[in-house]
Amino acid sequence: MNAGEIRQAVAQLLVVRASGHATDKQRRYPRWELSNNELEQLLGAGVGGVILLGGTATELQQRCRTLQRWAGQPILLCADVEEGVGQRFEGASWLVPPMALGRLHRRAPQQAVQLAENYGRCCGNQAKRCGLNWVLAPVCDVNSNPDNPVINVRAWGEDPHTVGELTGAFQRGLAATGVLGCAKHFPGHGDTSTDSHLDLPLLQHSRERLESLELQPFRTLIEEGVSSVMTAHLLIPALDKQWPATLSANVLTTLLRVDLGFKGLVVTDALVMEAIAARYGAGEAAVLAFAAGADLILMPADAVAAIDALCAALRSGRVPMARLHDSLERRQAAVQSIPMTLDSGNNDHKIESAEERSLTLELVTHSLEISNSSTAKESTQPNPIDGINLIRVDGVLPCPMLSADAPAILFPKRLGFQSVLSHPLGISPWTDPAEPLAPLAIDRLGQGPLLLQLFVRGNPFQANRSIREPWADAIKQLIDLNRLFGLVVYGSPYVWEALSALLPSSIPAGYSPGQMPDAQQQLLERLLNPDPSPALSRLGSNEFTD
């Protein structure tokens, strides 16, 4: 291969980030999402994959066609749609987080396994309709650490048996659609207390412990024939004292390829994450990952620098040319396994079928947990309640689960509650930290009974913000003041279990692993039982927002 051929071959192994929107000014995260000019140039130069985020599902159809046209050859088009395509692209099905099925598995294992397979089939079929051919799921991490700041409800459970059964079922459903899957984050990100988006987690487990817990779901997915495995940015001294898993030949080649017998594609987690980017330049990170055994380089901090460095490493012999040929063959096999109809983007088909809509609601129904619901109905008054609806949310710029007409806002408004938001960019609801027994600034929030709704889950870049917030003390404070009307938790089961245990039987409470509007709607309908009378229905409805 001459220099030009090597460069074009190397480019095929990169997966770059793009917005699902059509224009540059619509990019939600321009720091990471390349401009259209950059995308067109890189795809024309041979870059072989794009990961997308943002826009509607119908916009995504057109976007995938455009990217495919710019490439002029079959490319990998993927997205992090662990909770359904609607998690990232409005208009498709936004499913409950996988942990919901992990909790269902405790009491109804066969039902949970069947729903997990339907979940995978839904993800694959909708991805295919939108033009995607690769779903970056399932998460195979065993969430054995309740304080995990980034996995949490993204995991399918808290023990390897549950996670293995459910991810295996998801993969069977996904594979039936012809879409590629991805087991992540190898060798297991479930017992970390550090977010690898922000820093490099250290996992001090023995090889025996890893074999018995973290590695088991990956073995299951490999047996199921999963197409790809994504690396984790973790330092695990028992496997490699020097290199993070993403950059470790001991992990990617010896453990994954040799010991576990995986023959598919190995893709890095995003190299722009601080666990890697804060320690290595864009080019060097790409070379180290490729030399360690990664086939595909996901989101290098600088795509051109990554290509330059990989080409230099191959020409110098630092990385054997055989590595390039092996990765190209694995990529080609994956691309050829995808049915040619995947990227058609046929607008004649609905994104969400009636069956998939039913699945979305069925998953929500099976995942709800209600305490003291009868009391809640008795507490509903015929006249509007003059109270406060305090909503804690991770962000509002944007906040997909909390639009102006979200049920979490409108349902309480019909009862007479005025909404107050607690979020990172807002005015803090907390008093001086030196007052642990009275943490909420009650006078600042307003008068009357208070409905507390917490949107809390493991979210990238939040560094476990929720753990630092004294919600347990706040609930005790509100109970002492006879101000707590009810508690709703969306997301983390660990927060729900800790806080609901503090409540007397007179206070209604409810939990949903999902945070999407469908989950809000079903939970609040059951918990608050709002009066359907015209007087209350007019509150919070038919209002112009512009």
Protein backbone atom coordinates (compact mmCIF):
# COMPACT_ATOMS: atom_id res chain seq x y z
CA MET A 1 0.00 0.00 0.00
CA ASN A 2 1.29 3.44 -0.88
CA ALA A 3 0.94 6.44 1.44
CA GLY A 4 -2.39 7.53 -0.03
CA GLU A 5 -3.88 4.06 0.24
CA ILE A 6 -2.71 3.73 3.84
CA ARG A 7 -4.27 7.06 4.73
CA GLN A 8 -7.60 6.16 3.18
CA ALA A 9 -7.55 2.76 4.90
CA VAL A 10 -6.77 4.29 8.29
CA ALA A 11 -9.57 6.83 7.84
CA GLN A 12 -12.08 3.97 7.57
CA LEU A 13 -11.36 3.09 11.18
CA LEU A 14 -12.47 6.47 12.59
CA VAL A 15 -15.97 7.21 13.89
CA VAL A 16 -16.59 10.96 14.19
CA ARG A 17 -19.40 12.87 15.90
CA ALA A 18 -22.15 14.72 14.05
CA SER A 19 -25.37 16.45 14.94
CA GLY A 20 -28.60 14.86 13.77
CA HIS A 21 -29.73 18.32 12.68
CA ALA A 22 -29.12 19.46 9.13
CA THR A 23 -27.40 22.81 9.71
CA ASP A 24 -24.32 23.84 11.64
CA LYS A 25 -26.15 26.44 13.71
CA GLN A 26 -28.46 23.73 15.09
CA ARG A 27 -25.61 21.75 16.62
CA ARG A 28 -26.27 21.16 20.31
CA TYR A 29 -22.64 20.41 21.20
CA PRO A 30 -20.40 22.19 18.65
CA ARG A 31 -17.33 21.39 20.76
CA TRP A 32 -17.66 17.76 19.70
CA GLU A 33 -19.99 17.80 16.68
CA LEU A 34 -18.14 18.53 13.46
CA SER A 35 -19.38 21.12 11.00
CA ASN A 36 -20.91 20.01 7.73
CA ASN A 37 -17.84 21.18 5.84
CA GLU A 38 -15.56 19.11 8.09
CA LEU A 39 -17.85 16.09 7.84
CA GLU A 40 -18.04 16.24 4.07
CA GLN A 41 -14.25 16.52 3.77
CA LEU A 42 -13.54 13.68 6.22
CA LEU A 43 -16.12 11.33 4.73
CA GLY A 44 -14.82 12.12 1.25
CA ALA A 45 -11.33 11.24 2.52
CA GLY A 46 -12.52 7.83 3.65
CA VAL A 47 -13.68 8.22 7.28
CA GLY A 48 -15.84 5.17 7.83
CA GLY A 49 -18.25 5.96 10.65
CA VAL A 50 -20.40 8.66 12.23
CA ILE A 51 -22.07 8.78 15.64
CA LEU A 52 -25.12 11.05 15.77
CA LEU A 53 -27.07 12.91 18.44
CA GLY A 54 -29.92 15.41 18.32
CA GLY A 55 -32.83 16.31 16.07
CA THR A 56 -36.00 14.42 15.36
CA ALA A 57 -36.24 10.90 14.06
CA THR A 58 -37.44 12.16 10.68
CA GLU A 59 -34.54 14.62 10.51
CA LEU A 60 -32.23 11.71 11.23
CA GLN A 61 -33.53 9.84 8.17
CA GLN A 62 -32.44 12.67 5.88
CA ARG A 63 -29.22 13.22 7.79
CA CYS A 64 -28.14 9.60 7.36
CA ARG A 65 -28.84 9.77 3.62
CA THR A 66 -26.74 12.93 3.36
CA LEU A 67 -23.80 11.45 5.26
CA GLN A 68 -23.94 8.27 3.18
CA ARG A 69 -23.91 10.36 0.00
CA TRP A 70 -20.91 12.38 1.16
CA ALA A 71 -19.04 9.15 1.92
CA GLY A 72 -19.74 7.52 -1.43
CA GLN A 73 -19.27 4.09 0.17
CA PRO A 74 -21.04 2.11 2.93
CA ILE A 75 -20.32 3.61 6.34
CA LEU A 76 -21.23 2.79 9.92
CA LEU A 77 -23.97 5.09 11.26
CA CYS A 78 -24.54 4.74 14.99
CA ALA A 79 -26.03 6.35 18.07
CA ASP A 80 -26.09 5.84 21.84
CA VAL A 81 -29.73 4.74 21.95
CA GLU A 82 -29.52 2.54 25.04
CA GLU A 83 -33.11 3.49 25.95
CA GLY A 84 -34.64 3.44 22.51
CA VAL A 85 -34.15 5.72 19.54
CA GLY A 86 -36.46 8.29 21.15
CA GLN A 87 -33.93 8.81 23.94
CA ARG A 88 -31.81 10.78 21.45
CA PHE A 89 -34.16 11.58 18.57
CA GLU A 90 -37.60 13.01 19.24
CA GLY A 91 -40.54 11.20 17.67
CA ALA A 92 -39.25 7.65 18.17
CA SER A 93 -39.87 5.39 21.19
CA TRP A 94 -38.20 6.53 24.40
CA LEU A 95 -38.14 3.38 26.53
CA VAL A 96 -37.64 2.97 30.27
CA PRO A 97 -33.99 2.57 31.35
CA PRO A 98 -32.68 -1.01 31.35
CA MET A 99 -32.56 -1.08 35.17
CA ALA A 100 -36.37 -1.12 35.13
CA LEU A 101 -36.25 -4.60 33.64
CA GLY A 102 -33.54 -5.58 36.10
CA ARG A 103 -35.94 -4.80 38.94
CA LEU A 104 -38.81 -6.62 37.20
CA HIS A 105 -36.53 -9.65 36.76
CA ARG A 106 -36.51 -10.13 40.55
CA ARG A 107 -40.24 -10.93 40.66
CA ALA A 108 -41.02 -12.02 37.09
CA PRO A 109 -37.85 -13.24 35.35
CA GLN A 110 -39.49 -14.80 32.28
CA GLN A 111 -41.58 -11.70 31.64
CA ALA A 112 -38.50 -9.49 32.01
CA VAL A 113 -36.49 -11.58 29.54
CA GLN A 114 -39.29 -11.45 26.95
CA LEU A 115 -39.65 -7.70 27.37
CA ALA A 116 -35.88 -7.28 27.02
CA GLU A 117 -35.99 -9.10 23.69
CA ASN A 118 -38.88 -6.91 22.53
CA TYR A 119 -36.88 -3.88 23.74
CA GLY A 120 -33.94 -4.88 21.52
CA ARG A 121 -36.19 -5.51 18.54
CA CYS A 122 -37.83 -2.09 18.98
CA CYS A 123 -34.42 -0.36 19.14
CA GLY A 124 -33.20 -2.16 16.04
CA ASN A 125 -36.28 -1.65 13.90
CA GLN A 126 -36.53 2.04 14.69
CA ALA A 127 -32.80 2.58 14.19
CA LYS A 128 -33.14 0.90 10.80
CA ARG A 129 -36.10 3.09 9.80
CA CYS A 130 -34.05 6.18 10.66
CA GLY A 131 -31.02 5.08 8.63
CA LEU A 132 -28.80 3.87 11.48
CA ASN A 133 -27.09 0.50 11.13
CA TRP A 134 -25.29 0.22 14.46
CA VAL A 135 -26.78 0.57 17.95
CA LEU A 136 -24.27 1.28 20.72
CA ALA A 137 -26.03 -0.99 23.21
CA PRO A 138 -26.51 -2.98 25.36
CA VAL A 139 -24.69 -1.78 28.47
CA CYS A 140 -23.19 -4.96 29.98
CA ASP A 141 -21.90 -3.28 33.12
CA VAL A 142 -23.12 -4.79 36.39
CA ASN A 143 -24.15 -1.83 38.54
CA SER A 144 -22.85 -3.29 41.81
CA ASN A 145 -22.03 0.18 43.21
CA PRO A 146 -25.13 2.26 44.11
CA ASP A 147 -22.97 5.40 44.05
CA ASN A 148 -21.90 4.85 40.43
CA PRO A 149 -22.18 8.34 38.93
CA VAL A 150 -22.46 7.38 35.27
CA ILE A 151 -23.89 3.85 34.83
CA ASN A 152 -26.71 3.55 37.39
CA VAL A 153 -30.04 2.88 35.60
CA ARG A 154 -28.24 2.38 32.26
CA ALA A 155 -27.30 -1.08 33.55
CA TRP A 156 -29.67 -4.05 33.18
CA GLY A 157 -29.16 -5.07 36.78
CA GLU A 158 -26.96 -5.37 39.84
CA ASP A 159 -25.79 -8.97 39.53
CA PRO A 160 -24.11 -10.77 36.62
CA HIS A 161 -26.84 -13.37 36.15
CA THR A 162 -29.59 -10.77 35.67
CA VAL A 163 -27.45 -8.60 33.43
CA GLY A 164 -26.38 -11.59 31.34
CA GLU A 165 -29.92 -12.89 30.84
CA LEU A 166 -31.39 -9.50 29.93
CA THR A 167 -28.58 -8.24 27.71
CA GLY A 168 -28.57 -11.60 25.94
CA ALA A 169 -32.30 -11.24 25.27
CA PHE A 170 -31.84 -7.63 24.10
CA GLN A 171 -29.11 -8.75 21.71
CA ARG A 172 -31.33 -11.49 20.25
CA GLY A 173 -34.06 -8.96 19.57
CA LEU A 174 -31.63 -6.48 18.07
CA ALA A 175 -29.89 -9.08 15.90
CA ALA A 176 -33.23 -10.15 14.43
CA THR A 177 -33.52 -6.69 12.83
CA GLY A 178 -30.13 -6.88 11.09
CA VAL A 179 -28.69 -3.95 13.05
CA LEU A 180 -25.26 -4.27 14.65
CA GLY A 181 -25.04 -4.25 18.46
CA CYS A 182 -22.31 -3.24 20.90
CA ALA A 183 -21.54 -4.70 24.34
CA LYS A 184 -20.13 -2.01 26.61
CA HIS A 185 -18.07 -0.94 28.58
CA PHE A 186 -15.42 -3.68 28.64
CA PRO A 187 -14.23 -5.04 31.02
CA GLY A 188 -16.92 -3.50 33.26
CA HIS A 189 -17.73 0.04 34.48
CA GLY A 190 -20.38 -0.93 37.04
CA ASP A 191 -18.37 -0.66 40.27
CA THR A 192 -16.84 2.77 39.84
CA SER A 193 -17.39 5.94 41.86
CA THR A 194 -15.71 8.18 39.28
CA ASP A 195 -17.20 9.34 35.97
CA SER A 196 -14.74 8.55 33.16
CA HIS A 197 -16.09 11.56 31.26
CA LEU A 198 -14.32 13.63 33.91
CA ASP A 199 -11.43 11.52 35.24
CA LEU A 200 -9.84 8.06 35.06
CA PRO A 201 -11.57 5.61 37.46
CA LEU A 202 -9.43 3.11 39.37
CA LEU A 203 -10.85 -0.38 39.88
CA GLN A 204 -8.95 -2.38 42.51
CA HIS A 205 -10.46 -5.81 41.88
CA SER A 206 -8.65 -9.11 41.57
CA ARG A 207 -8.75 -11.14 38.37
CA GLU A 208 -10.89 -13.70 40.22
CA ARG A 209 -13.47 -11.06 41.16
CA LEU A 210 -13.54 -9.74 37.57
CA GLU A 211 -14.10 -13.25 36.26
CA SER A 212 -16.96 -13.94 38.65
CA LEU A 213 -18.82 -10.64 38.19
CA GLU A 214 -17.77 -8.01 35.64
CA LEU A 215 -16.81 -10.33 32.78
CA GLN A 216 -19.80 -12.68 32.91
CA PRO A 217 -22.27 -10.56 30.85
CA PHE A 218 -19.61 -9.97 28.20
CA ARG A 219 -19.11 -13.71 27.89
CA THR A 220 -22.86 -14.07 27.37
CA LEU A 221 -22.96 -11.40 24.66
CA ILE A 222 -19.96 -12.89 22.86
CA GLU A 223 -21.75 -16.25 22.84
CA GLU A 224 -24.82 -14.48 21.43
CA GLY A 225 -22.67 -13.20 18.55
CA VAL A 226 -22.64 -9.48 19.36
CA SER A 227 -20.96 -7.55 16.55
CA SER A 228 -18.83 -5.18 18.60
CA VAL A 229 -17.46 -4.52 22.07
CA MET A 230 -16.77 -1.02 23.41
CA THR A 231 -13.86 -0.39 25.75
CA ALA A 232 -13.99 1.32 29.15
CA HIS A 233 -11.66 4.11 30.21
CA LEU A 234 -10.68 2.38 33.48
CA LEU A 235 -7.39 1.59 35.19
CA ILE A 236 -7.49 -1.97 36.55
CA PRO A 237 -4.08 -2.87 38.05
CA ALA A 238 -4.96 -6.57 38.22
CA LEU A 239 -5.05 -6.53 34.42
CA ASP A 240 -2.60 -3.74 33.59
CA LYS A 241 -0.78 -1.55 36.09
CA GLN A 242 0.15 1.12 33.53
CA TRP A 243 -2.49 1.51 30.85
CA PRO A 244 -6.23 2.20 31.00
CA ALA A 245 -8.27 -0.63 29.49
CA THR A 246 -8.86 1.33 26.27
CA LEU A 247 -5.08 1.54 25.73
CA SER A 248 -4.13 -1.86 27.15
CA ALA A 249 -3.07 -4.83 25.01
CA ASN A 250 -3.47 -7.00 28.11
CA VAL A 251 -7.17 -6.08 28.19
CA LEU A 252 -8.11 -5.73 24.51
CA THR A 253 -5.93 -8.43 22.99
CA THR A 254 -5.02 -10.96 25.70
CA LEU A 255 -8.25 -10.86 27.72
CA LEU A 256 -10.89 -9.99 25.12
CA ARG A 257 -9.48 -11.62 21.98
CA VAL A 258 -7.57 -14.59 23.38
CA ASP A 259 -9.20 -15.49 26.70
CA LEU A 260 -12.82 -14.61 25.81
CA GLY A 261 -12.49 -15.50 22.12
CA PHE A 262 -14.12 -12.36 20.73
CA LYS A 263 -13.72 -12.07 16.95
CA GLY A 264 -15.80 -9.00 16.16
CA LEU A 265 -15.06 -5.28 16.18
CA VAL A 266 -13.46 -3.59 19.19
CA VAL A 267 -14.37 0.09 19.40
CA THR A 268 -12.99 2.57 21.89
CA ASP A 269 -15.25 4.63 24.07
CA ALA A 270 -15.09 8.28 23.04
CA LEU A 271 -11.48 9.46 23.16
CA VAL A 272 -12.58 13.02 23.93
CA MET A 273 -13.55 11.89 27.44
CA GLU A 274 -11.27 13.39 30.08
CA ALA A 275 -10.08 10.00 31.36
CA ILE A 276 -8.08 9.82 28.10
CA ALA A 277 -8.00 13.34 26.64
CA ALA A 278 -6.54 14.88 29.82
CA ARG A 279 -3.58 12.50 29.65
CA TYR A 280 -2.84 11.93 25.96
CA GLY A 281 -2.94 13.99 22.79
CA ALA A 282 -5.46 13.15 20.08
CA GLY A 283 -2.91 11.43 17.86
CA GLU A 284 -1.11 9.50 20.59
CA ALA A 285 -4.38 8.27 22.14
CA ALA A 286 -5.50 6.90 18.78
CA VAL A 287 -2.17 5.12 18.22
CA LEU A 288 -2.10 3.62 21.71
CA ALA A 289 -5.66 2.33 21.42
CA PHE A 290 -5.05 0.88 17.96
CA ALA A 291 -1.80 -0.76 19.01
CA ALA A 292 -3.56 -2.28 22.04
CA GLY A 293 -6.15 -3.96 19.84
CA ALA A 294 -8.96 -1.49 19.12
CA ASP A 295 -10.31 -1.65 15.57
CA LEU A 296 -12.38 1.54 15.54
CA ILE A 297 -11.40 4.90 17.02
CA LEU A 298 -14.50 6.68 18.37
CA MET A 299 -14.57 10.46 18.60
CA PRO A 300 -10.88 11.35 18.62
CA ALA A 301 -10.32 14.89 19.89
CA ASP A 302 -8.88 15.76 16.45
CA ALA A 303 -9.71 13.42 13.56
CA VAL A 304 -6.98 14.67 11.25
CA ALA A 305 -4.34 14.42 13.98
CA ALA A 306 -5.50 10.86 14.72
CA ILE A 307 -5.19 9.86 11.06
CA ASP A 308 -1.76 11.51 10.77
CA ALA A 309 -0.47 9.74 13.90
CA LEU A 310 -1.83 6.33 12.90
CA CYS A 311 -0.28 6.61 9.43
CA ALA A 312 3.08 7.61 10.93
CA ALA A 313 2.96 4.69 13.38
CA LEU A 314 2.26 2.23 10.57
CA ARG A 315 4.98 3.62 8.30
CA SER A 316 7.57 3.55 11.09
CA GLY A 317 6.72 0.02 12.13
CA ARG A 318 5.63 1.09 15.61
CA VAL A 319 2.33 -0.61 14.79
CA PRO A 320 2.56 -3.63 12.44
CA MET A 321 0.78 -3.26 9.11
CA ALA A 322 -0.96 -6.57 9.89
CA ARG A 323 -2.98 -4.74 12.56
CA LEU A 324 -4.43 -2.47 9.89
CA HIS A 325 -5.36 -5.38 7.65
CA ASP A 326 -7.00 -7.26 10.53
CA SER A 327 -9.12 -4.28 11.57
CA LEU A 328 -10.13 -3.51 8.00
CA GLU A 329 -11.24 -7.11 7.51
CA ARG A 330 -13.32 -7.06 10.69
CA ARG A 331 -14.91 -3.75 9.71
CA GLN A 332 -15.64 -5.00 6.20
CA ALA A 333 -17.26 -8.16 7.57
CA ALA A 334 -19.48 -6.07 9.84
CA VAL A 335 -20.52 -3.71 7.04
CA GLN A 336 -21.26 -6.60 4.67
CA SER A 337 -23.47 -8.24 7.31
CA ILE A 338 -25.84 -5.24 7.32
CA PRO A 339 -28.84 -5.58 4.96
CA MET A 340 -28.62 -3.03 2.17
CA THR A 341 -32.06 -1.62 3.03
CA LEU A 342 -30.86 -0.12 6.31
CA ASP A 343 -29.85 3.28 4.99
CA SER A 344 -32.80 3.76 2.66
CA GLY A 345 -34.48 6.19 5.07
CA ASN A 346 -37.90 5.41 3.65
CA ASN A 347 -40.21 8.18 4.82
CA ASP A 348 -43.27 6.12 3.93
CA HIS A 349 -42.88 4.13 7.16
CA LYS A 350 -43.90 5.44 10.55
CA ILE A 351 -40.98 5.71 12.95
CA GLU A 352 -43.02 4.17 15.79
CA SER A 353 -45.46 1.34 15.09
CA ALA A 354 -48.60 0.76 17.15
CA GLU A 355 -46.97 -2.35 18.62
CA GLU A 356 -43.90 -0.37 19.66
CA ARG A 357 -46.08 2.31 21.23
CA SER A 358 -47.81 -0.39 23.26
CA LEU A 359 -44.42 -1.75 24.34
CA THR A 360 -43.34 1.71 25.51
CA LEU A 361 -46.39 2.02 27.77
CA GLU A 362 -46.21 -1.59 28.94
CA LEU A 363 -42.61 -1.09 30.07
CA VAL A 364 -43.58 2.02 32.02
CA THR A 365 -46.53 0.28 33.67
CA HIS A 366 -44.45 -2.65 34.86
CA SER A 367 -41.75 -0.39 36.31
CA LEU A 368 -43.88 1.93 38.47
CA GLU A 369 -43.77 1.66 42.27
CA ILE A 370 -46.42 3.42 44.37
CA SER A 371 -46.56 3.91 48.13
CA ASN A 372 -49.67 5.12 49.94
CA SER A 373 -51.64 5.72 46.72
CA SER A 374 -55.00 5.46 48.49
CA THR A 375 -53.91 8.27 50.82
CA ALA A 376 -52.93 10.30 47.80
CA LYS A 377 -56.44 10.02 46.36
CA GLU A 378 -58.00 10.99 49.69
CA SER A 379 -55.67 13.99 49.87
CA THR A 380 -56.81 15.33 46.52
CA GLN A 381 -59.06 18.26 47.28
CA PRO A 382 -61.97 19.56 45.17
CA ASN A 383 -60.52 23.07 45.38
CA PRO A 384 -57.06 24.00 44.06
CA ILE A 385 -54.22 23.49 46.51
CA ASP A 386 -52.09 26.56 47.01
CA GLY A 387 -48.73 24.79 47.15
CA ILE A 388 -45.27 24.39 45.68
CA ASN A 389 -44.19 21.79 43.12
CA LEU A 390 -40.42 21.64 43.69
CA ILE A 391 -38.74 19.86 40.77
CA ARG A 392 -35.09 18.90 40.96
CA VAL A 393 -33.54 18.26 37.53
CA ASP A 394 -29.98 17.93 36.24
CA GLY A 395 -30.25 20.56 33.54
CA VAL A 396 -32.62 22.77 31.59
CA LEU A 397 -30.47 23.73 28.59
CA PRO A 398 -32.04 21.63 27.12
CA CYS A 399 -33.93 19.18 29.30
CA PRO A 400 -35.69 16.59 27.11
CA MET A 401 -37.80 15.18 29.93
CA LEU A 402 -39.04 18.56 31.17
CA SER A 403 -40.59 20.70 28.44
CA ALA A 404 -43.13 23.41 29.26
CA ASP A 405 -45.99 20.93 28.88
CA ALA A 406 -44.36 18.04 30.76
CA PRO A 407 -46.80 16.11 32.99
CA ALA A 408 -44.47 16.76 35.96
CA ILE A 409 -45.41 20.43 35.57
CA LEU A 410 -49.01 20.29 34.29
CA PHE A 411 -50.46 17.62 36.60
CA PRO A 412 -49.51 19.42 39.81
CA LYS A 413 -50.60 22.71 38.27
CA ARG A 414 -54.10 21.34 37.81
CA LEU A 415 -54.17 20.74 41.55
CA GLY A 416 -52.99 24.28 42.27
CA PHE A 417 -49.25 23.75 42.72
CA GLN A 418 -46.84 26.39 41.44
CA SER A 419 -43.68 24.88 39.94
CA VAL A 420 -40.21 25.84 41.17
CA LEU A 421 -37.15 24.32 39.48
CA SER A 422 -33.92 23.33 41.18
CA HIS A 423 -31.13 22.93 38.64
CA PRO A 424 -27.40 23.69 38.33
CA LEU A 425 -27.90 27.08 36.68
CA GLY A 426 -30.76 28.22 38.90
CA ILE A 427 -30.89 29.90 42.28
CA SER A 428 -30.03 27.31 44.91
CA PRO A 429 -32.88 26.08 47.14
CA TRP A 430 -30.38 25.31 49.90
CA THR A 431 -29.54 27.27 53.03
CA ASP A 432 -26.11 27.50 54.65
CA PRO A 433 -24.43 24.04 54.65
CA ALA A 434 -23.82 24.59 58.35
CA GLU A 435 -27.56 24.00 58.92
CA PRO A 436 -27.89 20.27 58.10
CA LEU A 437 -31.21 19.87 59.92
CA ALA A 438 -32.92 22.61 57.92
CA PRO A 439 -31.23 22.52 54.50
CA LEU A 440 -34.10 23.90 52.39
CA ALA A 441 -34.57 27.66 52.25
CA ILE A 442 -38.31 27.36 52.86
CA ASP A 443 -39.02 31.10 52.77
CA ARG A 444 -37.40 31.30 49.33
CA LEU A 445 -39.61 28.52 47.92
CA GLY A 446 -43.03 29.86 48.97
CA GLN A 447 -45.93 28.88 51.19
CA GLY A 448 -48.23 25.87 51.35
CA PRO A 449 -47.80 22.11 50.96
CA LEU A 450 -44.82 21.00 48.92
CA LEU A 451 -44.74 18.25 46.30
CA LEU A 452 -41.15 17.12 45.77
CA GLN A 453 -40.26 15.64 42.38
CA LEU A 454 -36.66 14.46 41.93
CA PHE A 455 -35.19 13.65 38.52
CA VAL A 456 -32.09 11.82 39.72
CA ARG A 457 -29.98 9.24 37.89
CA GLY A 458 -26.42 8.57 36.85
CA ASN A 459 -25.70 11.19 34.22
CA PRO A 460 -22.40 11.89 32.45
CA PHE A 461 -20.57 15.05 33.54
CA GLN A 462 -22.71 15.49 36.71
CA ALA A 463 -20.08 13.94 39.03
CA ASN A 464 -22.77 12.49 41.29
CA ARG A 465 -24.30 15.86 42.05
CA SER A 466 -27.36 14.17 43.57
CA ILE A 467 -25.32 12.39 46.26
CA ARG A 468 -24.00 15.74 47.48
CA GLU A 469 -27.49 17.17 47.82
CA PRO A 470 -29.11 16.67 51.28
CA TRP A 471 -32.52 15.46 50.13
CA ALA A 472 -32.90 13.10 53.10
CA ASP A 473 -32.47 15.99 55.52
CA ALA A 474 -34.78 18.13 53.39
CA ILE A 475 -37.54 15.52 53.60
CA LYS A 476 -37.14 15.27 57.38
CA GLN A 477 -37.34 19.06 57.55
CA LEU A 478 -40.55 19.16 55.47
CA ILE A 479 -42.14 16.37 57.51
CA ASP A 480 -41.34 18.19 60.77
CA LEU A 481 -42.96 21.33 59.35
CA ASN A 482 -45.97 19.33 58.10
CA ARG A 483 -45.24 20.71 54.62
CA LEU A 484 -44.49 17.56 52.57
CA PHE A 485 -47.48 16.75 50.34
CA GLY A 486 -45.79 13.91 48.43
CA LEU A 487 -42.58 12.54 46.96
CA VAL A 488 -41.88 11.42 43.39
CA VAL A 489 -38.53 10.01 42.25
CA TYR A 490 -37.71 9.49 38.57
CA GLY A 491 -34.52 7.55 37.86
CA SER A 492 -32.27 6.14 40.56
CA PRO A 493 -33.75 3.26 42.57
CA TYR A 494 -31.14 3.90 45.26
CA VAL A 495 -32.37 7.43 45.91
CA TRP A 496 -35.96 6.17 45.90
CA GLU A 497 -35.30 3.41 48.42
CA ALA A 498 -33.37 5.71 50.75
CA LEU A 499 -35.91 8.54 50.71
CA SER A 500 -39.16 6.58 50.67
CA ALA A 501 -38.03 4.77 53.83
CA LEU A 502 -38.21 8.12 55.65
CA LEU A 503 -41.88 8.75 54.88
CA PRO A 504 -44.81 8.16 57.22
CA SER A 505 -47.73 6.23 55.74
CA SER A 506 -49.76 9.43 55.41
CA ILE A 507 -47.54 10.83 52.64
CA PRO A 508 -48.00 9.49 49.10
CA ALA A 509 -44.89 8.58 47.13
CA GLY A 510 -44.09 7.09 43.76
CA TYR A 511 -41.11 5.91 41.72
CA SER A 512 -40.34 5.38 38.06
CA PRO A 513 -36.94 4.39 36.62
CA GLY A 514 -37.94 6.36 33.53
CA GLN A 515 -37.89 10.13 33.40
CA MET A 516 -39.65 10.62 30.06
CA PRO A 517 -43.12 12.24 29.77
CA ASP A 518 -44.83 8.83 29.43
CA ALA A 519 -43.43 7.81 32.82
CA GLN A 520 -44.45 11.12 34.40
CA GLN A 521 -47.96 10.80 32.98
CA GLN A 522 -48.63 7.28 34.23
CA LEU A 523 -47.04 7.81 37.64
CA LEU A 524 -48.77 11.08 38.44
CA GLU A 525 -52.14 9.82 37.19
CA ARG A 526 -51.93 6.99 39.71
CA LEU A 527 -50.39 8.99 42.52
CA LEU A 528 -52.21 12.34 42.41
CA ASN A 529 -55.50 11.29 40.82
CA PRO A 530 -56.17 14.87 39.66
CA ASP A 531 -59.81 15.93 39.56
CA PRO A 532 -60.96 15.88 35.91
CA SER A 533 -63.53 18.61 36.54
CA PRO A 534 -63.45 21.52 34.06
CA ALA A 535 -62.40 23.98 36.76
CA LEU A 536 -59.19 22.10 37.44
CA SER A 537 -58.63 20.97 33.85
CA ARG A 538 -58.40 24.58 32.71
CA LEU A 539 -55.45 25.15 35.00
CA GLY A 540 -52.25 24.69 33.06
CA SER A 541 -53.85 23.81 29.73
CA ASN A 542 -54.48 25.63 26.45
CA GLU A 543 -51.85 28.22 27.26
CA PHE A 544 -49.65 29.89 24.69
CA THR A 545 -45.91 29.66 25.38
CA ASP A 546 -44.81 32.13 22.67
